[in-house]
Amino acid sequence: MMSGDIDSRVTEVMDSTSISPGANDNASGVAGAIEAARVLSKYQFAGTIIYAALSGEEQGLYGGAALAQYAKDQHWQVQAVLNNDMIANIEGINGVIDNYLYGVASVSANGNTSPVVFPGAAGAY
């Protein structure tokens, strides 16, 4: 499964004055999933690849939770989920601008996260 979220809002839904960086967070993630679907549509795989644009992620991961529940209810055998989050962003949360590193975070079933940083594409983690 590959996804990106389509939110362009801050966490507080009634906040109409704060900056919402929709192009970086996260239209780029949805664009990445759509581009992957376009490229990979030319190939055949042993399993099905699901591409999803999720909503409500900035407000509480609502789209991801709904899709996970649907997959569980339908007895999907999900092997992996690749969520594209802010893939066009080159400014880290610490303010450092770096277009050489990219990060991958792996989350286990028990919720533990292990981030890894790789040289290469945009988006310092």
N, C-alpha and C. Protein backbone atom coordinates (compact mmCIF):
# COMPACT_ATOMS: atom_id res chain seq x y z
N MET A 1 0.84 -1.16 0.00
CA MET A 1 0.00 0.00 0.00
C MET A 1 0.90 1.24 0.00
N MET A 2 0.50 2.25 -0.75
CA MET A 2 1.24 3.51 -0.78
C MET A 2 0.24 4.65 -0.60
N SER A 3 0.61 5.60 0.25
CA SER A 3 -0.32 6.69 0.53
C SER A 3 0.38 8.02 0.73
N GLY A 4 -0.40 9.05 0.73
CA GLY A 4 0.00 10.41 1.09
C GLY A 4 -1.24 11.08 1.62
N ASP A 5 -1.08 12.10 2.43
CA ASP A 5 -2.29 12.77 2.92
C ASP A 5 -2.52 14.07 2.17
N ILE A 6 -3.79 14.43 2.04
CA ILE A 6 -4.17 15.58 1.21
C ILE A 6 -4.51 16.80 2.04
N ASP A 7 -4.17 16.76 3.33
CA ASP A 7 -4.48 17.89 4.20
C ASP A 7 -3.66 19.11 3.84
N SER A 8 -4.26 20.24 4.03
CA SER A 8 -3.55 21.51 3.94
C SER A 8 -4.09 22.41 5.04
N ARG A 9 -4.10 21.88 6.25
CA ARG A 9 -4.65 22.59 7.39
C ARG A 9 -3.76 22.39 8.60
N VAL A 10 -3.88 23.28 9.52
CA VAL A 10 -3.19 23.10 10.80
C VAL A 10 -4.04 22.18 11.67
N THR A 11 -3.50 21.74 12.78
CA THR A 11 -4.19 20.79 13.63
C THR A 11 -5.53 21.31 14.13
N GLU A 12 -5.57 22.55 14.59
CA GLU A 12 -6.82 23.14 15.09
C GLU A 12 -7.69 23.56 13.91
N VAL A 13 -8.81 22.88 13.72
CA VAL A 13 -9.65 23.11 12.54
C VAL A 13 -10.26 24.50 12.48
N MET A 14 -10.37 25.19 13.61
CA MET A 14 -10.94 26.53 13.62
C MET A 14 -9.88 27.62 13.45
N ASP A 15 -8.62 27.25 13.33
CA ASP A 15 -7.53 28.20 13.17
C ASP A 15 -7.42 28.57 11.69
N SER A 16 -7.85 29.77 11.35
CA SER A 16 -7.82 30.20 9.95
C SER A 16 -6.68 31.16 9.65
N THR A 17 -5.79 31.38 10.61
CA THR A 17 -4.73 32.37 10.41
C THR A 17 -3.33 31.77 10.33
N SER A 18 -3.13 30.57 10.86
CA SER A 18 -1.80 29.97 10.82
C SER A 18 -1.45 29.49 9.42
N ILE A 19 -0.16 29.39 9.15
CA ILE A 19 0.32 28.94 7.84
C ILE A 19 0.08 27.44 7.70
N SER A 20 -0.43 27.05 6.55
CA SER A 20 -0.65 25.64 6.23
C SER A 20 0.11 25.32 4.95
N PRO A 21 1.25 24.68 5.06
CA PRO A 21 2.11 24.45 3.89
C PRO A 21 1.62 23.29 3.03
N GLY A 22 0.50 23.46 2.37
CA GLY A 22 -0.13 22.37 1.62
C GLY A 22 0.68 21.76 0.51
N ALA A 23 1.54 22.52 -0.15
CA ALA A 23 2.33 21.94 -1.22
C ALA A 23 3.36 20.96 -0.68
N ASN A 24 3.98 21.31 0.45
CA ASN A 24 4.97 20.42 1.05
C ASN A 24 4.31 19.38 1.95
N ASP A 25 3.30 19.78 2.68
CA ASP A 25 2.65 18.89 3.66
C ASP A 25 1.15 18.92 3.41
N ASN A 26 0.66 18.14 2.44
CA ASN A 26 1.39 17.05 1.88
C ASN A 26 0.93 16.75 0.46
N ALA A 27 0.70 17.76 -0.32
CA ALA A 27 0.36 17.49 -1.72
C ALA A 27 1.47 16.70 -2.40
N SER A 28 2.71 16.89 -1.97
CA SER A 28 3.83 16.16 -2.56
C SER A 28 3.70 14.66 -2.30
N GLY A 29 3.18 14.27 -1.14
CA GLY A 29 3.02 12.85 -0.83
C GLY A 29 1.97 12.20 -1.71
N VAL A 30 0.87 12.89 -1.93
CA VAL A 30 -0.17 12.38 -2.81
C VAL A 30 0.36 12.32 -4.25
N ALA A 31 1.08 13.36 -4.66
CA ALA A 31 1.67 13.35 -6.01
C ALA A 31 2.62 12.17 -6.17
N GLY A 32 3.39 11.87 -5.13
CA GLY A 32 4.30 10.72 -5.19
C GLY A 32 3.55 9.40 -5.34
N ALA A 33 2.45 9.26 -4.62
CA ALA A 33 1.65 8.04 -4.73
C ALA A 33 1.01 7.92 -6.11
N ILE A 34 0.52 9.04 -6.63
CA ILE A 34 -0.09 9.03 -7.97
C ILE A 34 0.96 8.71 -9.04
N GLU A 35 2.15 9.30 -8.90
CA GLU A 35 3.21 9.03 -9.87
C GLU A 35 3.67 7.58 -9.78
N ALA A 36 3.76 7.04 -8.59
CA ALA A 36 4.11 5.62 -8.43
C ALA A 36 3.06 4.75 -9.10
N ALA A 37 1.78 5.09 -8.95
CA ALA A 37 0.71 4.33 -9.59
C ALA A 37 0.84 4.38 -11.11
N ARG A 38 1.16 5.56 -11.63
CA ARG A 38 1.33 5.70 -13.09
C ARG A 38 2.48 4.83 -13.59
N VAL A 39 3.61 4.92 -12.93
CA VAL A 39 4.80 4.18 -13.38
C VAL A 39 4.60 2.67 -13.19
N LEU A 40 4.11 2.27 -12.03
CA LEU A 40 3.99 0.84 -11.73
C LEU A 40 2.82 0.17 -12.45
N SER A 41 1.91 0.97 -13.02
CA SER A 41 0.78 0.38 -13.76
C SER A 41 1.23 -0.37 -15.00
N LYS A 42 2.45 -0.15 -15.42
CA LYS A 42 2.98 -0.82 -16.61
C LYS A 42 3.52 -2.22 -16.30
N TYR A 43 3.50 -2.61 -15.03
CA TYR A 43 4.06 -3.88 -14.60
C TYR A 43 3.00 -4.74 -13.94
N GLN A 44 3.28 -6.04 -13.88
CA GLN A 44 2.39 -6.95 -13.17
C GLN A 44 3.11 -7.45 -11.92
N PHE A 45 2.37 -7.57 -10.85
CA PHE A 45 2.91 -8.02 -9.57
C PHE A 45 2.10 -9.19 -9.05
N ALA A 46 2.68 -9.95 -8.16
CA ALA A 46 2.00 -11.11 -7.59
C ALA A 46 0.83 -10.70 -6.70
N GLY A 47 0.88 -9.49 -6.17
CA GLY A 47 -0.18 -9.01 -5.29
C GLY A 47 -0.75 -7.70 -5.79
N THR A 48 -1.71 -7.19 -5.08
CA THR A 48 -2.36 -5.93 -5.41
C THR A 48 -1.67 -4.79 -4.68
N ILE A 49 -1.47 -3.68 -5.36
CA ILE A 49 -0.94 -2.48 -4.72
C ILE A 49 -2.09 -1.49 -4.59
N ILE A 50 -2.33 -1.03 -3.38
CA ILE A 50 -3.37 -0.05 -3.10
C ILE A 50 -2.71 1.32 -3.00
N TYR A 51 -3.25 2.31 -3.70
CA TYR A 51 -2.77 3.69 -3.63
C TYR A 51 -3.88 4.51 -2.97
N ALA A 52 -3.51 5.32 -1.98
CA ALA A 52 -4.53 6.05 -1.23
C ALA A 52 -4.12 7.49 -0.98
N ALA A 53 -5.10 8.39 -1.08
CA ALA A 53 -4.95 9.79 -0.66
C ALA A 53 -5.78 9.92 0.62
N LEU A 54 -5.11 10.17 1.73
CA LEU A 54 -5.76 10.17 3.04
C LEU A 54 -6.10 11.58 3.48
N SER A 55 -7.20 11.74 4.18
CA SER A 55 -7.63 13.04 4.68
C SER A 55 -7.76 12.98 6.19
N GLY A 56 -7.66 14.14 6.83
CA GLY A 56 -7.81 14.22 8.27
C GLY A 56 -6.58 13.79 9.04
N GLU A 57 -5.45 13.70 8.38
CA GLU A 57 -4.23 13.23 9.06
C GLU A 57 -3.69 14.26 10.05
N GLU A 58 -3.79 15.54 9.72
CA GLU A 58 -3.30 16.57 10.63
C GLU A 58 -4.21 16.73 11.84
N GLN A 59 -5.44 16.27 11.74
CA GLN A 59 -6.38 16.39 12.84
C GLN A 59 -6.42 15.15 13.72
N GLY A 60 -5.73 14.09 13.34
CA GLY A 60 -5.74 12.88 14.17
C GLY A 60 -5.62 11.58 13.41
N LEU A 61 -4.99 11.59 12.26
CA LEU A 61 -4.77 10.37 11.46
C LEU A 61 -6.07 9.66 11.10
N TYR A 62 -7.11 10.46 10.87
CA TYR A 62 -8.43 9.88 10.61
C TYR A 62 -8.49 9.06 9.32
N GLY A 63 -7.92 9.57 8.25
CA GLY A 63 -7.96 8.83 6.98
C GLY A 63 -7.19 7.52 7.06
N GLY A 64 -6.01 7.56 7.66
CA GLY A 64 -5.21 6.35 7.81
C GLY A 64 -5.91 5.33 8.70
N ALA A 65 -6.53 5.80 9.78
CA ALA A 65 -7.24 4.90 10.68
C ALA A 65 -8.44 4.26 9.98
N ALA A 66 -9.16 5.05 9.20
CA ALA A 66 -10.32 4.52 8.47
C ALA A 66 -9.89 3.47 7.45
N LEU A 67 -8.80 3.75 6.72
CA LEU A 67 -8.31 2.78 5.73
C LEU A 67 -7.80 1.52 6.42
N ALA A 68 -7.09 1.67 7.54
CA ALA A 68 -6.60 0.50 8.27
C ALA A 68 -7.76 -0.36 8.77
N GLN A 69 -8.81 0.28 9.27
CA GLN A 69 -9.97 -0.46 9.74
C GLN A 69 -10.67 -1.18 8.59
N TYR A 70 -10.79 -0.50 7.44
CA TYR A 70 -11.40 -1.13 6.27
C TYR A 70 -10.59 -2.34 5.82
N ALA A 71 -9.26 -2.17 5.78
CA ALA A 71 -8.39 -3.28 5.38
C ALA A 71 -8.54 -4.46 6.34
N LYS A 72 -8.63 -4.16 7.61
CA LYS A 72 -8.81 -5.21 8.62
C LYS A 72 -10.17 -5.90 8.44
N ASP A 73 -11.22 -5.11 8.26
CA ASP A 73 -12.57 -5.66 8.09
C ASP A 73 -12.69 -6.53 6.84
N GLN A 74 -11.93 -6.16 5.79
CA GLN A 74 -11.97 -6.89 4.53
C GLN A 74 -10.94 -8.03 4.48
N HIS A 75 -10.20 -8.20 5.58
CA HIS A 75 -9.20 -9.27 5.70
C HIS A 75 -8.08 -9.15 4.67
N TRP A 76 -7.68 -7.91 4.38
CA TRP A 76 -6.54 -7.71 3.49
C TRP A 76 -5.29 -8.24 4.17
N GLN A 77 -4.40 -8.79 3.41
CA GLN A 77 -3.11 -9.25 3.93
C GLN A 77 -2.07 -8.20 3.55
N VAL A 78 -2.01 -7.15 4.33
CA VAL A 78 -1.12 -6.03 4.04
C VAL A 78 0.31 -6.41 4.40
N GLN A 79 1.21 -6.29 3.43
CA GLN A 79 2.61 -6.62 3.65
C GLN A 79 3.41 -5.41 4.13
N ALA A 80 3.05 -4.23 3.63
CA ALA A 80 3.77 -3.00 4.00
C ALA A 80 2.94 -1.79 3.61
N VAL A 81 3.19 -0.69 4.29
CA VAL A 81 2.57 0.59 3.94
C VAL A 81 3.70 1.60 3.77
N LEU A 82 3.75 2.23 2.62
CA LEU A 82 4.70 3.30 2.36
C LEU A 82 3.92 4.60 2.33
N ASN A 83 4.07 5.40 3.37
CA ASN A 83 3.37 6.68 3.44
C ASN A 83 4.34 7.79 3.06
N ASN A 84 4.01 8.50 2.02
CA ASN A 84 4.84 9.61 1.55
C ASN A 84 4.43 10.87 2.29
N ASP A 85 5.27 11.33 3.19
CA ASP A 85 4.93 12.52 3.97
C ASP A 85 5.96 13.60 3.73
N MET A 86 5.53 14.70 3.15
CA MET A 86 6.39 15.86 2.91
C MET A 86 7.62 15.51 2.07
N ILE A 87 7.43 14.79 1.00
CA ILE A 87 8.58 14.34 0.20
C ILE A 87 9.20 15.48 -0.62
N ALA A 88 8.51 16.61 -0.76
CA ALA A 88 9.09 17.74 -1.48
C ALA A 88 9.70 18.77 -0.55
N ASN A 89 9.66 18.51 0.74
CA ASN A 89 10.15 19.47 1.71
C ASN A 89 11.66 19.31 1.92
N ILE A 90 12.39 20.41 1.91
CA ILE A 90 13.83 20.33 2.18
C ILE A 90 14.20 21.01 3.48
N GLU A 91 13.20 21.54 4.21
CA GLU A 91 13.48 22.18 5.50
C GLU A 91 12.97 21.31 6.63
N GLY A 92 13.89 20.87 7.49
CA GLY A 92 13.52 20.02 8.61
C GLY A 92 12.82 20.80 9.70
N ILE A 93 12.24 20.09 10.66
CA ILE A 93 11.53 20.76 11.75
C ILE A 93 12.48 21.57 12.63
N ASN A 94 13.77 21.29 12.51
CA ASN A 94 14.77 22.05 13.27
C ASN A 94 15.25 23.29 12.50
N GLY A 95 14.65 23.56 11.33
CA GLY A 95 15.01 24.73 10.55
C GLY A 95 16.15 24.53 9.58
N VAL A 96 16.81 23.39 9.64
CA VAL A 96 17.93 23.11 8.75
C VAL A 96 17.40 22.81 7.35
N ILE A 97 17.98 23.48 6.36
CA ILE A 97 17.60 23.23 4.97
C ILE A 97 18.65 22.33 4.36
N ASP A 98 18.19 21.19 3.82
CA ASP A 98 19.10 20.17 3.31
C ASP A 98 18.40 19.42 2.18
N ASN A 99 18.90 19.52 0.98
CA ASN A 99 18.29 18.80 -0.13
C ASN A 99 19.12 17.58 -0.53
N TYR A 100 19.90 17.06 0.42
CA TYR A 100 20.76 15.91 0.14
C TYR A 100 20.33 14.66 0.89
N LEU A 101 19.71 14.81 2.06
CA LEU A 101 19.33 13.66 2.87
C LEU A 101 17.83 13.41 2.79
N TYR A 102 17.44 12.17 2.98
CA TYR A 102 16.03 11.86 3.13
C TYR A 102 15.88 10.83 4.23
N GLY A 103 14.73 10.81 4.83
CA GLY A 103 14.53 9.93 5.97
C GLY A 103 13.44 8.92 5.73
N VAL A 104 13.60 7.79 6.37
CA VAL A 104 12.60 6.73 6.34
C VAL A 104 12.34 6.34 7.78
N ALA A 105 11.10 6.34 8.18
CA ALA A 105 10.76 5.92 9.54
C ALA A 105 9.96 4.63 9.45
N SER A 106 10.36 3.66 10.19
CA SER A 106 9.66 2.39 10.24
C SER A 106 8.92 2.30 11.57
N VAL A 107 7.65 1.96 11.51
CA VAL A 107 6.86 1.83 12.72
C VAL A 107 6.42 0.37 12.84
N SER A 108 6.75 -0.25 13.96
CA SER A 108 6.38 -1.64 14.18
C SER A 108 4.94 -1.74 14.65
N ALA A 109 4.43 -2.96 14.73
CA ALA A 109 3.05 -3.19 15.16
C ALA A 109 2.79 -2.67 16.57
N ASN A 110 3.83 -2.61 17.40
CA ASN A 110 3.63 -2.13 18.77
C ASN A 110 3.83 -0.62 18.88
N GLY A 111 4.05 0.06 17.75
CA GLY A 111 4.13 1.51 17.74
C GLY A 111 5.52 2.09 17.88
N ASN A 112 6.54 1.26 18.01
CA ASN A 112 7.91 1.77 18.09
C ASN A 112 8.36 2.30 16.73
N THR A 113 9.00 3.45 16.73
CA THR A 113 9.47 4.06 15.50
C THR A 113 10.98 4.02 15.44
N SER A 114 11.53 3.67 14.26
CA SER A 114 12.97 3.72 14.08
C SER A 114 13.29 4.52 12.83
N PRO A 115 13.64 5.82 12.98
CA PRO A 115 13.99 6.63 11.82
C PRO A 115 15.39 6.30 11.32
N VAL A 116 15.56 6.36 10.02
CA VAL A 116 16.85 6.14 9.39
C VAL A 116 17.05 7.24 8.38
N VAL A 117 18.25 7.80 8.30
CA VAL A 117 18.54 8.87 7.35
C VAL A 117 19.47 8.35 6.27
N PHE A 118 19.12 8.64 5.02
CA PHE A 118 19.89 8.19 3.87
C PHE A 118 20.37 9.39 3.06
N PRO A 119 21.59 9.34 2.51
CA PRO A 119 21.98 10.40 1.58
C PRO A 119 21.24 10.20 0.26
N GLY A 120 20.94 11.28 -0.40
CA GLY A 120 20.29 11.13 -1.70
C GLY A 120 19.29 12.20 -2.01
N ALA A 121 18.02 11.93 -1.77
CA ALA A 121 16.94 12.82 -2.20
C ALA A 121 16.68 13.94 -1.21
N ALA A 122 15.73 14.77 -1.54
CA ALA A 122 15.39 15.93 -0.70
C ALA A 122 14.68 15.52 0.58
N GLY A 123 14.79 16.37 1.59
CA GLY A 123 13.99 16.18 2.80
C GLY A 123 14.77 15.69 4.00
N ALA A 124 15.52 16.53 4.64
CA ALA A 124 16.26 16.12 5.84
C ALA A 124 15.28 15.70 6.92
N TYR A 125 15.58 14.62 7.57
CA TYR A 125 14.71 14.07 8.61
C TYR A 125 15.23 14.45 9.96
